[in-house]
Each structure stands twice: as C-alpha cells, then as structure tokens.
PDB file of N, CA and C in Angstrom:
ATOM      1  N   UNK A   1       0.274  -1.155  -0.426  1.00  0.00           N
ATOM      2  CA  UNK A   1       0.269  -0.414  -0.165  1.00  0.00           C
ATOM      3  C   UNK A   1       1.125   1.179   0.188  1.00  0.00           C
ATOM      4  N   UNK A   2       0.162   2.764   0.159  1.00  0.00           N
ATOM      5  CA  UNK A   2       1.064   3.702  -0.085  1.00  0.00           C
ATOM      6  C   UNK A   2       0.399   4.729   1.276  1.00  0.00           C
ATOM      7  N   UNK A   3       1.476   5.249   1.912  1.00  0.00           N
ATOM      8  CA  UNK A   3       1.051   5.696   3.066  1.00  0.00           C
ATOM      9  C   UNK A   3       1.053   7.318   2.551  1.00  0.00           C
ATOM     10  N   UNK A   4      -0.300   7.487   3.198  1.00  0.00           N
ATOM     11  CA  UNK A   4      -0.222   8.932   2.296  1.00  0.00           C
ATOM     12  C   UNK A   4      -0.032  10.378   3.234  1.00  0.00           C
ATOM     13  N   UNK A   5       0.760  10.307   3.955  1.00  0.00           N
ATOM     14  CA  UNK A   5       1.491  11.001   4.533  1.00  0.00           C
ATOM     15  C   UNK A   5       2.613  11.625   4.196  1.00  0.00           C
ATOM     16  N   UNK A   6       3.005  10.655   3.085  1.00  0.00           N
ATOM     17  CA  UNK A   6       4.292  11.190   2.322  1.00  0.00           C
ATOM     18  C   UNK A   6       3.840  11.829   1.436  1.00  0.00           C
ATOM     19  N   UNK A   7       5.030  12.874   0.680  1.00  0.00           N
ATOM     20  CA  UNK A   7       4.506  12.957  -0.255  1.00  0.00           C
ATOM     21  C   UNK A   7       5.942  13.525  -0.826  1.00  0.00           C
ATOM     22  N   UNK A   8       6.330  12.727  -2.197  1.00  0.00           N
ATOM     23  CA  UNK A   8       7.646  13.261  -3.173  1.00  0.00           C
ATOM     24  C   UNK A   8       7.560  15.218  -3.625  1.00  0.00           C
ATOM     25  N   UNK A   9       5.952  15.722  -4.072  1.00  0.00           N
ATOM     26  CA  UNK A   9       5.849  16.706  -4.513  1.00  0.00           C
ATOM     27  C   UNK A   9       4.584  17.630  -3.590  1.00  0.00           C
ATOM     28  N   UNK A  10       3.988  18.491  -3.187  1.00  0.00           N
ATOM     29  CA  UNK A  10       2.739  19.173  -3.231  1.00  0.00           C
ATOM     30  C   UNK A  10       3.157  20.334  -4.236  1.00  0.00           C
ATOM     31  N   UNK A  11       2.239  19.687  -5.442  1.00  0.00           N
ATOM     32  CA  UNK A  11       2.635  21.531  -6.190  1.00  0.00           C
ATOM     33  C   UNK A  11       1.309  21.855  -6.008  1.00  0.00           C
ATOM     34  N   UNK A  12       0.918  23.514  -5.714  1.00  0.00           N
ATOM     35  CA  UNK A  12       0.093  24.323  -6.012  1.00  0.00           C
ATOM     36  C   UNK A  12       0.399  24.907  -7.557  1.00  0.00           C
ATOM     37  N   UNK A  13      -0.384  25.673  -7.900  1.00  0.00           N
ATOM     38  CA  UNK A  13      -1.040  26.189  -9.331  1.00  0.00           C
ATOM     39  C   UNK A  13       1.053  27.390  -9.162  1.00  0.00           C
ATOM     40  N   UNK A  14       1.001  28.035  -8.440  1.00  0.00           N
ATOM     41  CA  UNK A  14       2.712  28.700  -8.516  1.00  0.00           C
ATOM     42  C   UNK A  14       3.311  27.716  -8.711  1.00  0.00           C
ATOM     43  N   UNK A  15       3.466  26.590  -8.703  1.00  0.00           N
ATOM     44  CA  UNK A  15       4.304  25.764  -8.999  1.00  0.00           C
ATOM     45  C   UNK A  15       5.042  25.441  -9.395  1.00  0.00           C
ATOM     46  N   UNK A  16       3.314  24.535 -10.533  1.00  0.00           N
ATOM     47  CA  UNK A  16       2.830  23.850 -11.260  1.00  0.00           C
ATOM     48  C   UNK A  16       3.648  24.501 -12.547  1.00  0.00           C
ATOM     49  N   UNK A  17       3.043  25.902 -12.392  1.00  0.00           N
ATOM     50  CA  UNK A  17       3.560  26.927 -13.835  1.00  0.00           C
ATOM     51  C   UNK A  17       4.941  26.878 -14.029  1.00  0.00           C
ATOM     52  N   UNK A  18       5.752  27.432 -12.280  1.00  0.00           N
ATOM     53  CA  UNK A  18       7.523  27.123 -12.828  1.00  0.00           C
ATOM     54  C   UNK A  18       7.861  26.451 -13.319  1.00  0.00           C
ATOM     55  N   UNK A  19       7.432  24.757 -12.784  1.00  0.00           N
ATOM     56  CA  UNK A  19       7.909  23.418 -13.741  1.00  0.00           C
ATOM     57  C   UNK A  19       7.112  23.743 -14.997  1.00  0.00           C
ATOM     58  N   UNK A  20       6.678  24.347 -15.546  1.00  0.00           N
ATOM     59  CA  UNK A  20       6.055  24.030 -17.048  1.00  0.00           C
ATOM     60  C   UNK A  20       6.931  25.235 -17.713  1.00  0.00           C
ATOM     61  N   UNK A  21       7.975  26.316 -17.349  1.00  0.00           N
ATOM     62  CA  UNK A  21       8.423  26.676 -18.092  1.00  0.00           C
ATOM     63  C   UNK A  21       9.366  26.607 -19.116  1.00  0.00           C
ATOM     64  N   UNK A  22       9.841  27.300 -19.905  1.00  0.00           N
ATOM     65  CA  UNK A  22      11.340  26.377 -21.150  1.00  0.00           C
ATOM     66  C   UNK A  22      12.351  26.850 -20.469  1.00  0.00           C
ATOM     67  N   UNK A  23      12.976  25.988 -20.168  1.00  0.00           N
ATOM     68  CA  UNK A  23      14.056  26.638 -19.953  1.00  0.00           C
ATOM     69  C   UNK A  23      15.426  27.524 -19.804  1.00  0.00           C
ATOM     70  N   UNK A  24      15.019  27.674 -21.395  1.00  0.00           N
ATOM     71  CA  UNK A  24      15.302  29.030 -21.235  1.00  0.00           C
ATOM     72  C   UNK A  24      15.470  30.315 -20.432  1.00  0.00           C
ATOM     73  N   UNK A  25      14.167  30.273 -19.444  1.00  0.00           N
ATOM     74  CA  UNK A  25      13.146  30.996 -18.798  1.00  0.00           C
ATOM     75  C   UNK A  25      13.928  30.750 -17.302  1.00  0.00           C
ATOM     76  N   UNK A  26      14.379  30.070 -16.761  1.00  0.00           N
ATOM     77  CA  UNK A  26      14.835  29.284 -15.571  1.00  0.00           C
ATOM     78  C   UNK A  26      16.344  28.680 -15.252  1.00  0.00           C
ATOM     79  N   UNK A  27      17.169  29.874 -14.751  1.00  0.00           N
ATOM     80  CA  UNK A  27      18.601  30.084 -15.068  1.00  0.00           C
ATOM     81  C   UNK A  27      19.388  28.614 -14.439  1.00  0.00           C
ATOM     82  N   UNK A  28      18.488  28.264 -13.598  1.00  0.00           N
ATOM     83  CA  UNK A  28      19.508  26.932 -12.813  1.00  0.00           C
ATOM     84  C   UNK A  28      19.159  25.564 -14.286  1.00  0.00           C
ATOM     85  N   UNK A  29      18.022  25.707 -15.019  1.00  0.00           N
ATOM     86  CA  UNK A  29      17.958  24.677 -16.023  1.00  0.00           C
ATOM     87  C   UNK A  29      19.195  23.911 -16.371  1.00  0.00           C
ATOM     88  N   UNK A  30      20.090  23.426 -15.910  1.00  0.00           N
ATOM     89  CA  UNK A  30      21.196  22.702 -15.961  1.00  0.00           C
ATOM     90  C   UNK A  30      20.703  21.581 -16.798  1.00  0.00           C
ATOM     91  N   UNK A  31      19.787  20.632 -16.334  1.00  0.00           N
ATOM     92  CA  UNK A  31      19.296  19.341 -16.290  1.00  0.00           C
ATOM     93  C   UNK A  31      18.637  19.315 -18.079  1.00  0.00           C
ATOM     94  N   UNK A  32      17.991  20.664 -18.376  1.00  0.00           N
ATOM     95  CA  UNK A  32      17.884  20.589 -19.808  1.00  0.00           C
ATOM     96  C   UNK A  32      18.031  21.964 -20.700  1.00  0.00           C
ATOM     97  N   UNK A  33      19.514  21.245 -20.467  1.00  0.00           N
ATOM     98  CA  UNK A  33      20.303  21.812 -21.778  1.00  0.00           C
ATOM     99  C   UNK A  33      21.583  21.097 -22.253  1.00  0.00           C
ATOM    100  N   UNK A  34      21.454  20.617 -23.521  1.00  0.00           N
ATOM    101  CA  UNK A  34      19.676  20.494 -24.624  1.00  0.00           C
ATOM    102  C   UNK A  34      18.809  19.858 -23.100  1.00  0.00           C
ATOM    103  N   UNK A  35      17.591  19.920 -24.066  1.00  0.00           N
ATOM    104  CA  UNK A  35      16.248  18.851 -23.354  1.00  0.00           C
ATOM    105  C   UNK A  35      16.461  17.489 -23.335  1.00  0.00           C
ATOM    106  N   UNK A  36      16.149  16.777 -22.613  1.00  0.00           N
ATOM    107  CA  UNK A  36      16.158  15.066 -23.121  1.00  0.00           C
ATOM    108  C   UNK A  36      14.959  15.063 -23.886  1.00  0.00           C
ATOM    109  N   UNK A  37      14.721  13.698 -24.618  1.00  0.00           N
ATOM    110  CA  UNK A  37      13.790  13.488 -25.477  1.00  0.00           C
ATOM    111  C   UNK A  37      12.836  13.065 -24.009  1.00  0.00           C
ATOM    112  N   UNK A  38      11.805  13.107 -23.086  1.00  0.00           N
ATOM    113  CA  UNK A  38      10.821  12.470 -22.987  1.00  0.00           C
ATOM    114  C   UNK A  38       9.887  12.166 -22.968  1.00  0.00           C
ATOM    115  N   UNK A  39       9.230  11.149 -22.706  1.00  0.00           N
ATOM    116  CA  UNK A  39       8.078  10.079 -23.648  1.00  0.00           C
ATOM    117  C   UNK A  39       6.753   9.681 -22.227  1.00  0.00           C
ATOM    118  N   UNK A  40       5.128  10.599 -22.748  1.00  0.00           N
ATOM    119  CA  UNK A  40       4.484   9.558 -21.354  1.00  0.00           C
ATOM    120  C   UNK A  40       3.647   8.916 -21.976  1.00  0.00           C
ATOM    121  N   UNK A  41       3.709   7.600 -21.568  1.00  0.00           N
ATOM    122  CA  UNK A  41       3.134   6.382 -21.956  1.00  0.00           C
ATOM    123  C   UNK A  41       1.445   6.356 -21.083  1.00  0.00           C
ATOM    124  N   UNK A  42       0.214   7.366 -21.498  1.00  0.00           N
ATOM    125  CA  UNK A  42      -0.528   6.736 -20.346  1.00  0.00           C
ATOM    126  C   UNK A  42      -1.780   5.806 -21.038  1.00  0.00           C
ATOM    127  N   UNK A  43      -1.482   4.819 -19.855  1.00  0.00           N
ATOM    128  CA  UNK A  43      -2.129   3.551 -20.956  1.00  0.00           C
ATOM    129  C   UNK A  43      -3.497   3.445 -19.155  1.00  0.00           C
ATOM    130  N   UNK A  44      -4.134   1.995 -20.093  1.00  0.00           N
ATOM    131  CA  UNK A  44      -5.437   2.039 -18.796  1.00  0.00           C
ATOM    132  C   UNK A  44      -6.787   2.667 -18.375  1.00  0.00           C
ATOM    133  N   UNK A  45      -6.556   3.521 -19.495  1.00  0.00           N
ATOM    134  CA  UNK A  45      -7.892   4.871 -18.904  1.00  0.00           C
ATOM    135  C   UNK A  45      -8.998   3.717 -18.365  1.00  0.00           C
ATOM    136  N   UNK A  46      -9.133   4.504 -16.767  1.00  0.00           N
ATOM    137  CA  UNK A  46     -10.742   3.934 -16.550  1.00  0.00           C
ATOM    138  C   UNK A  46     -10.876   5.005 -16.185  1.00  0.00           C
ATOM    139  N   UNK A  47     -12.426   5.448 -16.928  1.00  0.00           N
ATOM    140  CA  UNK A  47     -13.482   6.221 -16.220  1.00  0.00           C
ATOM    141  C   UNK A  47     -14.918   5.973 -15.529  1.00  0.00           C
ATOM    142  N   UNK A  48     -14.783   6.983 -14.449  1.00  0.00           N
ATOM    143  CA  UNK A  48     -16.438   6.854 -13.986  1.00  0.00           C
ATOM    144  C   UNK A  48     -17.186   7.553 -13.247  1.00  0.00           C
ATOM    145  N   UNK A  49     -18.167   8.582 -13.161  1.00  0.00           N
ATOM    146  CA  UNK A  49     -18.602   8.991 -12.720  1.00  0.00           C
ATOM    147  C   UNK A  49     -18.290   9.367 -10.747  1.00  0.00           C
ATOM    148  N   UNK A  50     -18.146  10.082 -10.707  1.00  0.00           N
ATOM    149  CA  UNK A  50     -18.398  10.174  -9.155  1.00  0.00           C
ATOM    150  C   UNK A  50     -20.175  10.810  -8.357  1.00  0.00           C
ATOM    151  N   UNK A  51     -20.061  11.475  -7.710  1.00  0.00           N
ATOM    152  CA  UNK A  51     -21.174  11.856  -7.100  1.00  0.00           C
ATOM    153  C   UNK A  51     -21.862  13.218  -7.732  1.00  0.00           C
ATOM    154  N   UNK A  52     -21.027  13.760  -7.814  1.00  0.00           N
ATOM    155  CA  UNK A  52     -21.516  15.770  -8.514  1.00  0.00           C
ATOM    156  C   UNK A  52     -21.543  14.981  -9.840  1.00  0.00           C
ATOM    157  N   UNK A  53     -22.254  15.868 -10.369  1.00  0.00           N
ATOM    158  CA  UNK A  53     -22.690  15.807 -12.084  1.00  0.00           C
ATOM    159  C   UNK A  53     -21.631  16.654 -12.585  1.00  0.00           C
ATOM    160  N   UNK A  54     -20.753  16.356 -13.347  1.00  0.00           N
ATOM    161  CA  UNK A  54     -20.148  17.089 -14.063  1.00  0.00           C
ATOM    162  C   UNK A  54     -18.914  16.086 -13.779  1.00  0.00           C
ATOM    163  N   UNK A  55     -18.566  16.071 -12.890  1.00  0.00           N
ATOM    164  CA  UNK A  55     -17.055  15.254 -12.511  1.00  0.00           C
ATOM    165  C   UNK A  55     -16.857  13.907 -12.782  1.00  0.00           C
ATOM    166  N   UNK A  56     -15.436  13.702 -12.933  1.00  0.00           N
ATOM    167  CA  UNK A  56     -15.235  11.901 -13.251  1.00  0.00           C
ATOM    168  C   UNK A  56     -13.801  11.619 -12.296  1.00  0.00           C
ATOM    169  N   UNK A  57     -14.454  10.851 -12.087  1.00  0.00           N
ATOM    170  CA  UNK A  57     -12.400   9.870 -11.602  1.00  0.00           C
ATOM    171  C   UNK A  57     -11.803   8.949 -12.370  1.00  0.00           C
ATOM    172  N   UNK A  58     -10.682   9.442 -13.598  1.00  0.00           N
ATOM    173  CA  UNK A  58      -9.693   9.004 -13.996  1.00  0.00           C
ATOM    174  C   UNK A  58      -8.629   7.957 -13.438  1.00  0.00           C
ATOM    175  N   UNK A  59      -8.767   7.226 -13.941  1.00  0.00           N
ATOM    176  CA  UNK A  59      -7.290   5.851 -13.277  1.00  0.00           C
ATOM    177  C   UNK A  59      -6.571   5.536 -14.119  1.00  0.00           C
ATOM    178  N   UNK A  60      -5.160   6.009 -14.631  1.00  0.00           N
ATOM    179  CA  UNK A  60      -4.709   6.146 -15.217  1.00  0.00           C
ATOM    180  C   UNK A  60      -3.248   4.856 -15.369  1.00  0.00           C
ATOM    181  N   UNK A  61      -2.717   3.907 -15.939  1.00  0.00           N
ATOM    182  CA  UNK A  61      -1.202   3.949 -15.268  1.00  0.00           C
ATOM    183  C   UNK A  61       0.261   5.010 -16.294  1.00  0.00           C
ATOM    184  N   UNK A  62       0.973   5.456 -16.308  1.00  0.00           N
ATOM    185  CA  UNK A  62       1.712   6.319 -17.070  1.00  0.00           C
ATOM    186  C   UNK A  62       3.238   5.386 -16.295  1.00  0.00           C
ATOM    187  N   UNK A  63       4.074   5.202 -17.822  1.00  0.00           N
ATOM    188  CA  UNK A  63       5.220   5.248 -17.774  1.00  0.00           C
ATOM    189  C   UNK A  63       5.774   6.043 -18.718  1.00  0.00           C
ATOM    190  N   UNK A  64       6.702   6.765 -17.750  1.00  0.00           N
ATOM    191  CA  UNK A  64       8.425   7.727 -18.639  1.00  0.00           C
ATOM    192  C   UNK A  64       9.093   7.615 -18.783  1.00  0.00           C
ATOM    193  N   UNK A  65       9.558   7.555 -20.227  1.00  0.00           N
ATOM    194  CA  UNK A  65      10.812   7.695 -21.007  1.00  0.00           C
ATOM    195  C   UNK A  65      11.074   8.610 -20.013  1.00  0.00           C
ATOM    196  N   UNK A  66      12.735   8.839 -20.074  1.00  0.00           N
ATOM    197  CA  UNK A  66      13.980  10.080 -20.570  1.00  0.00           C
ATOM    198  C   UNK A  66      15.077   9.256 -21.051  1.00  0.00           C
ATOM    199  N   UNK A  67      15.519  10.285 -22.295  1.00  0.00           N
ATOM    200  CA  UNK A  67      16.752   9.770 -23.027  1.00  0.00           C
ATOM    201  C   UNK A  67      17.290  11.354 -23.506  1.00  0.00           C
ATOM    202  N   UNK A  68      18.767  11.183 -22.797  1.00  0.00           N
ATOM    203  CA  UNK A  68      19.396  12.594 -23.140  1.00  0.00           C
ATOM    204  C   UNK A  68      20.681  11.875 -24.160  1.00  0.00           C
ATOM    205  N   UNK A  69      20.603  13.073 -25.760  1.00  0.00           N
ATOM    206  CA  UNK A  69      21.711  12.676 -26.321  1.00  0.00           C
ATOM    207  C   UNK A  69      21.810  11.348 -27.081  1.00  0.00           C
ATOM    208  N   UNK A  70      23.103  11.480 -27.057  1.00  0.00           N
ATOM    209  CA  UNK A  70      22.756   9.856 -28.388  1.00  0.00           C
ATOM    210  C   UNK A  70      23.166   8.481 -27.356  1.00  0.00           C
ATOM    211  N   UNK A  71      23.137   8.816 -26.291  1.00  0.00           N
ATOM    212  CA  UNK A  71      23.367   7.705 -24.608  1.00  0.00           C
ATOM    213  C   UNK A  71      21.950   6.487 -25.625  1.00  0.00           C
ATOM    214  N   UNK A  72      22.320   4.859 -25.509  1.00  0.00           N
ATOM    215  CA  UNK A  72      21.297   3.953 -25.955  1.00  0.00           C
ATOM    216  C   UNK A  72      20.448   3.850 -24.742  1.00  0.00           C
ATOM    217  N   UNK A  73      20.814   4.354 -23.362  1.00  0.00           N
ATOM    218  CA  UNK A  73      19.876   4.085 -21.523  1.00  0.00           C
ATOM    219  C   UNK A  73      19.379   4.490 -21.858  1.00  0.00           C
ATOM    220  N   UNK A  74      17.992   4.789 -21.640  1.00  0.00           N
ATOM    221  CA  UNK A  74      17.023   5.306 -21.417  1.00  0.00           C
ATOM    222  C   UNK A  74      16.229   4.574 -19.521  1.00  0.00           C
ATOM    223  N   UNK A  75      16.254   6.084 -19.082  1.00  0.00           N
ATOM    224  CA  UNK A  75      15.690   6.452 -18.130  1.00  0.00           C
ATOM    225  C   UNK A  75      14.009   5.752 -17.822  1.00  0.00           C
ATOM    226  N   UNK A  76      13.940   5.140 -16.767  1.00  0.00           N
ATOM    227  CA  UNK A  76      12.486   4.806 -17.040  1.00  0.00           C
ATOM    228  C   UNK A  76      11.447   4.845 -15.597  1.00  0.00           C
ATOM    229  N   UNK A  77      10.323   5.310 -15.316  1.00  0.00           N
ATOM    230  CA  UNK A  77       9.418   5.320 -14.348  1.00  0.00           C
ATOM    231  C   UNK A  77       8.360   5.584 -14.586  1.00  0.00           C
ATOM    232  N   UNK A  78       7.119   4.196 -13.799  1.00  0.00           N
ATOM    233  CA  UNK A  78       6.056   3.692 -13.778  1.00  0.00           C
ATOM    234  C   UNK A  78       5.155   4.728 -12.755  1.00  0.00           C
ATOM    235  N   UNK A  79       4.065   4.990 -12.700  1.00  0.00           N
ATOM    236  CA  UNK A  79       3.402   5.204 -11.945  1.00  0.00           C
ATOM    237  C   UNK A  79       1.693   4.366 -12.439  1.00  0.00           C
ATOM    238  N   UNK A  80       0.741   4.991 -10.815  1.00  0.00           N
ATOM    239  CA  UNK A  80      -0.177   4.668 -11.515  1.00  0.00           C
ATOM    240  C   UNK A  80      -1.086   6.236 -10.976  1.00  0.00           C
ATOM    241  N   UNK A  81      -1.978   7.406 -11.953  1.00  0.00           N
ATOM    242  CA  UNK A  81      -2.558   8.522 -11.996  1.00  0.00           C
ATOM    243  C   UNK A  81      -3.956   8.480 -11.601  1.00  0.00           C
ATOM    244  N   UNK A  82      -4.521   9.221  -9.913  1.00  0.00           N
ATOM    245  CA  UNK A  82      -5.992   9.104  -9.960  1.00  0.00           C
ATOM    246  C   UNK A  82      -6.145  10.893 -10.190  1.00  0.00           C
ATOM    247  N   UNK A  83      -7.273  10.915 -10.992  1.00  0.00           N
ATOM    248  CA  UNK A  83      -7.661  12.613 -11.669  1.00  0.00           C
ATOM    249  C   UNK A  83      -8.343  12.627 -10.788  1.00  0.00           C
ATOM    250  N   UNK A  84      -8.915  13.480 -10.750  1.00  0.00           N
ATOM    251  CA  UNK A  84     -10.688  14.197 -10.434  1.00  0.00           C
ATOM    252  C   UNK A  84     -10.606  15.064 -11.872  1.00  0.00           C
ATOM    253  N   UNK A  85     -11.633  14.658 -12.936  1.00  0.00           N
ATOM    254  CA  UNK A  85     -11.757  15.920 -14.122  1.00  0.00           C
ATOM    255  C   UNK A  85     -13.678  16.811 -14.393  1.00  0.00           C
ATOM    256  N   UNK A  86     -13.196  17.539 -14.304  1.00  0.00           N
ATOM    257  CA  UNK A  86     -14.744  18.065 -13.962  1.00  0.00           C
ATOM    258  C   UNK A  86     -14.800  19.164 -15.878  1.00  0.00           C
ATOM    259  N   UNK A  87     -16.449  18.939 -16.097  1.00  0.00           N
ATOM    260  CA  UNK A  87     -16.863  19.807 -17.092  1.00  0.00           C
ATOM    261  C   UNK A  87     -17.447  20.875 -16.634  1.00  0.00           C
ATOM    262  N   UNK A  88     -16.544  21.971 -17.547  1.00  0.00           N
ATOM    263  CA  UNK A  88     -16.806  23.006 -16.912  1.00  0.00           C
ATOM    264  C   UNK A  88     -17.234  24.515 -18.826  1.00  0.00           C
ATOM    265  N   UNK A  89     -17.705  24.988 -18.421  1.00  0.00           N
ATOM    266  CA  UNK A  89     -17.552  26.016 -20.145  1.00  0.00           C
ATOM    267  C   UNK A  89     -16.840  25.932 -21.068  1.00  0.00           C
ATOM    268  N   UNK A  90     -15.954  25.811 -20.435  1.00  0.00           N
ATOM    269  CA  UNK A  90     -14.529  26.141 -21.062  1.00  0.00           C
ATOM    270  C   UNK A  90     -14.552  24.240 -21.563  1.00  0.00           C
ATOM    271  N   UNK A  91     -14.996  23.588 -20.866  1.00  0.00           N
ATOM    272  CA  UNK A  91     -14.619  22.665 -21.451  1.00  0.00           C
ATOM    273  C   UNK A  91     -13.756  21.085 -20.289  1.00  0.00           C
ATOM    274  N   UNK A  92     -12.973  20.142 -20.384  1.00  0.00           N
ATOM    275  CA  UNK A  92     -12.833  19.053 -19.362  1.00  0.00           C
ATOM    276  C   UNK A  92     -12.003  20.109 -18.625  1.00  0.00           C
ATOM    277  N   UNK A  93     -11.511  19.880 -17.498  1.00  0.00           N
ATOM    278  CA  UNK A  93     -11.132  21.020 -16.780  1.00  0.00           C
ATOM    279  C   UNK A  93      -9.418  19.377 -15.551  1.00  0.00           C
ATOM    280  N   UNK A  94      -8.275  19.332 -15.837  1.00  0.00           N
ATOM    281  CA  UNK A  94      -8.478  18.877 -14.330  1.00  0.00           C
ATOM    282  C   UNK A  94      -8.548  19.770 -12.942  1.00  0.00           C
ATOM    283  N   UNK A  95      -9.324  18.957 -11.864  1.00  0.00           N
ATOM    284  CA  UNK A  95      -9.519  19.352 -10.440  1.00  0.00           C
ATOM    285  C   UNK A  95      -7.940  19.567  -9.611  1.00  0.00           C
ATOM    286  N   UNK A  96      -8.141  17.877  -9.542  1.00  0.00           N
ATOM    287  CA  UNK A  96      -6.842  16.932  -8.808  1.00  0.00           C
ATOM    288  C   UNK A  96      -6.269  15.926  -9.724  1.00  0.00           C
ATOM    289  N   UNK A  97      -5.360  16.360  -8.979  1.00  0.00           N
ATOM    290  CA  UNK A  97      -4.079  14.794  -9.345  1.00  0.00           C
ATOM    291  C   UNK A  97      -3.499  14.064  -8.214  1.00  0.00           C
ATOM    292  N   UNK A  98      -3.092  12.648  -8.020  1.00  0.00           N
ATOM    293  CA  UNK A  98      -2.582  11.911  -7.384  1.00  0.00           C
ATOM    294  C   UNK A  98      -1.514  11.301  -8.070  1.00  0.00           C
ATOM    295  N   UNK A  99      -0.703  11.104  -8.430  1.00  0.00           N
ATOM    296  CA  UNK A  99       0.274  10.378  -8.483  1.00  0.00           C
ATOM    297  C   UNK A  99       0.727   9.815  -7.449  1.00  0.00           C
ATOM    298  N   UNK A 100       1.119   8.075  -7.854  1.00  0.00           N
ATOM    299  CA  UNK A 100       1.511   6.684  -7.041  1.00  0.00           C
ATOM    300  C   UNK A 100       3.111   6.292  -7.718  1.00  0.00           C
ATOM    301  N   UNK A 101       3.950   6.212  -7.163  1.00  0.00           N
ATOM    302  CA  UNK A 101       4.991   5.832  -8.443  1.00  0.00           C
ATOM    303  C   UNK A 101       5.400   4.970  -7.633  1.00  0.00           C
ATOM    304  N   UNK A 102       6.088   3.721  -8.630  1.00  0.00           N
ATOM    305  CA  UNK A 102       6.145   2.021  -8.325  1.00  0.00           C
ATOM    306  C   UNK A 102       7.042   2.181  -8.057  1.00  0.00           C
ATOM    307  N   UNK A 103       7.847   3.308  -7.673  1.00  0.00           N
ATOM    308  CA  UNK A 103       9.547   3.190  -6.400  1.00  0.00           C
ATOM    309  C   UNK A 103       9.134   3.829  -5.720  1.00  0.00           C
ATOM    310  N   UNK A 104       9.842   3.873  -4.244  1.00  0.00           N
ATOM    311  CA  UNK A 104       9.900   4.495  -3.306  1.00  0.00           C
ATOM    312  C   UNK A 104      10.815   5.684  -3.269  1.00  0.00           C
ATOM    313  N   UNK A 105      11.848   6.100  -4.275  1.00  0.00           N
ATOM    314  CA  UNK A 105      12.530   7.346  -4.233  1.00  0.00           C
ATOM    315  C   UNK A 105      12.437   7.641  -5.783  1.00  0.00           C
ATOM    316  N   UNK A 106      12.151   9.286  -5.691  1.00  0.00           N
ATOM    317  CA  UNK A 106      12.545   9.513  -6.907  1.00  0.00           C
ATOM    318  C   UNK A 106      13.989   9.950  -6.965  1.00  0.00           C
ATOM    319  N   UNK A 107      14.734   9.449  -8.591  1.00  0.00           N
ATOM    320  CA  UNK A 107      16.427   9.946  -8.686  1.00  0.00           C
ATOM    321  C   UNK A 107      15.707  11.669  -9.574  1.00  0.00           C
ATOM    322  N   UNK A 108      17.051  12.041  -9.694  1.00  0.00           N
ATOM    323  CA  UNK A 108      16.809  13.703  -9.653  1.00  0.00           C
ATOM    324  C   UNK A 108      16.720  13.748 -11.128  1.00  0.00           C
ATOM    325  N   UNK A 109      16.607  13.058 -12.153  1.00  0.00           N
ATOM    326  CA  UNK A 109      16.583  13.078 -13.069  1.00  0.00           C
ATOM    327  C   UNK A 109      15.709  13.358 -13.720  1.00  0.00           C
ATOM    328  N   UNK A 110      14.525  12.699 -13.076  1.00  0.00           N
ATOM    329  CA  UNK A 110      12.544  12.936 -13.084  1.00  0.00           C
ATOM    330  C   UNK A 110      12.441  14.295 -12.070  1.00  0.00           C
ATOM    331  N   UNK A 111      12.436  14.756 -11.389  1.00  0.00           N
ATOM    332  CA  UNK A 111      12.140  15.577 -10.742  1.00  0.00           C
ATOM    333  C   UNK A 111      11.506  17.101 -11.123  1.00  0.00           C
ATOM    334  N   UNK A 112      12.228  17.132 -12.987  1.00  0.00           N
ATOM    335  CA  UNK A 112      11.835  18.772 -13.091  1.00  0.00           C
ATOM    336  C   UNK A 112      10.268  18.280 -14.227  1.00  0.00           C
ATOM    337  N   UNK A 113      10.329  16.884 -14.098  1.00  0.00           N
ATOM    338  CA  UNK A 113       9.108  16.245 -15.201  1.00  0.00           C
ATOM    339  C   UNK A 113       7.929  16.244 -14.190  1.00  0.00           C
ATOM    340  N   UNK A 114       6.465  16.576 -15.362  1.00  0.00           N
ATOM    341  CA  UNK A 114       5.777  16.699 -14.966  1.00  0.00           C
ATOM    342  C   UNK A 114       4.539  15.227 -15.366  1.00  0.00           C
ATOM    343  N   UNK A 115       4.198  15.111 -14.606  1.00  0.00           N
ATOM    344  CA  UNK A 115       4.105  13.480 -14.661  1.00  0.00           C
ATOM    345  C   UNK A 115       2.624  13.572 -14.681  1.00  0.00           C
TER     346      UNK A 115
END
C-alpha cells in the first residue's frame, strides 16, 4: 500500500507554472540543456462518474521514458495516476491529480518532469 502521509511533491498552481516554464526562462535548468527526449505513455484509462454531476474519477497507468543526447540507455519510471476531471463551460479541466509511483525514491533526473 501507500502511506498517504508522505509526499514527493505537493505542488500548487504557482509551482506547477514554474515547472512548466521553458529552460530558457530558468537560470538553473542545467538538466534541460540540451533538453532530454521525454515520452509519457498513458494507458489503461478507466473513467467513472462521481457523486457530483459533471465530475469524473479517472485512473490511468503512466510510463515515463527519458533519454539524453545519443546515449542508448533510457531512464524509466512507472506510476498510477488518479485524477478528478470536471466539465466546465470551457471544456474538461483537471481538478486534482495524485501520482503514486512504483518506486519509493525519485531520481533527480525525474524531479523536473510533470507527471
């Protein structure tokens, strides 16, 4: 099981905006110069309605792949994502996201990635 008292990240809107900035805007973005090739494979998506109208619980599996330069080795990390998605006049919006990684320690290589 997972201990819900521990977190790798507790990002708010401000921190998520900072994570999404391009490397050119962040002076300490040494891990993104040149940027790595990153792939996010989202599979096994299951959608259920919730007690609230126009709100959905979405569970999916995530596989992150990351490679740098011409190296043949890829870094990988897998996780489960549990999202709450709401239908708004502007379309579907992500309300909350919980990412449960399959590892107990996240390498520094993955700390700057959005999951």
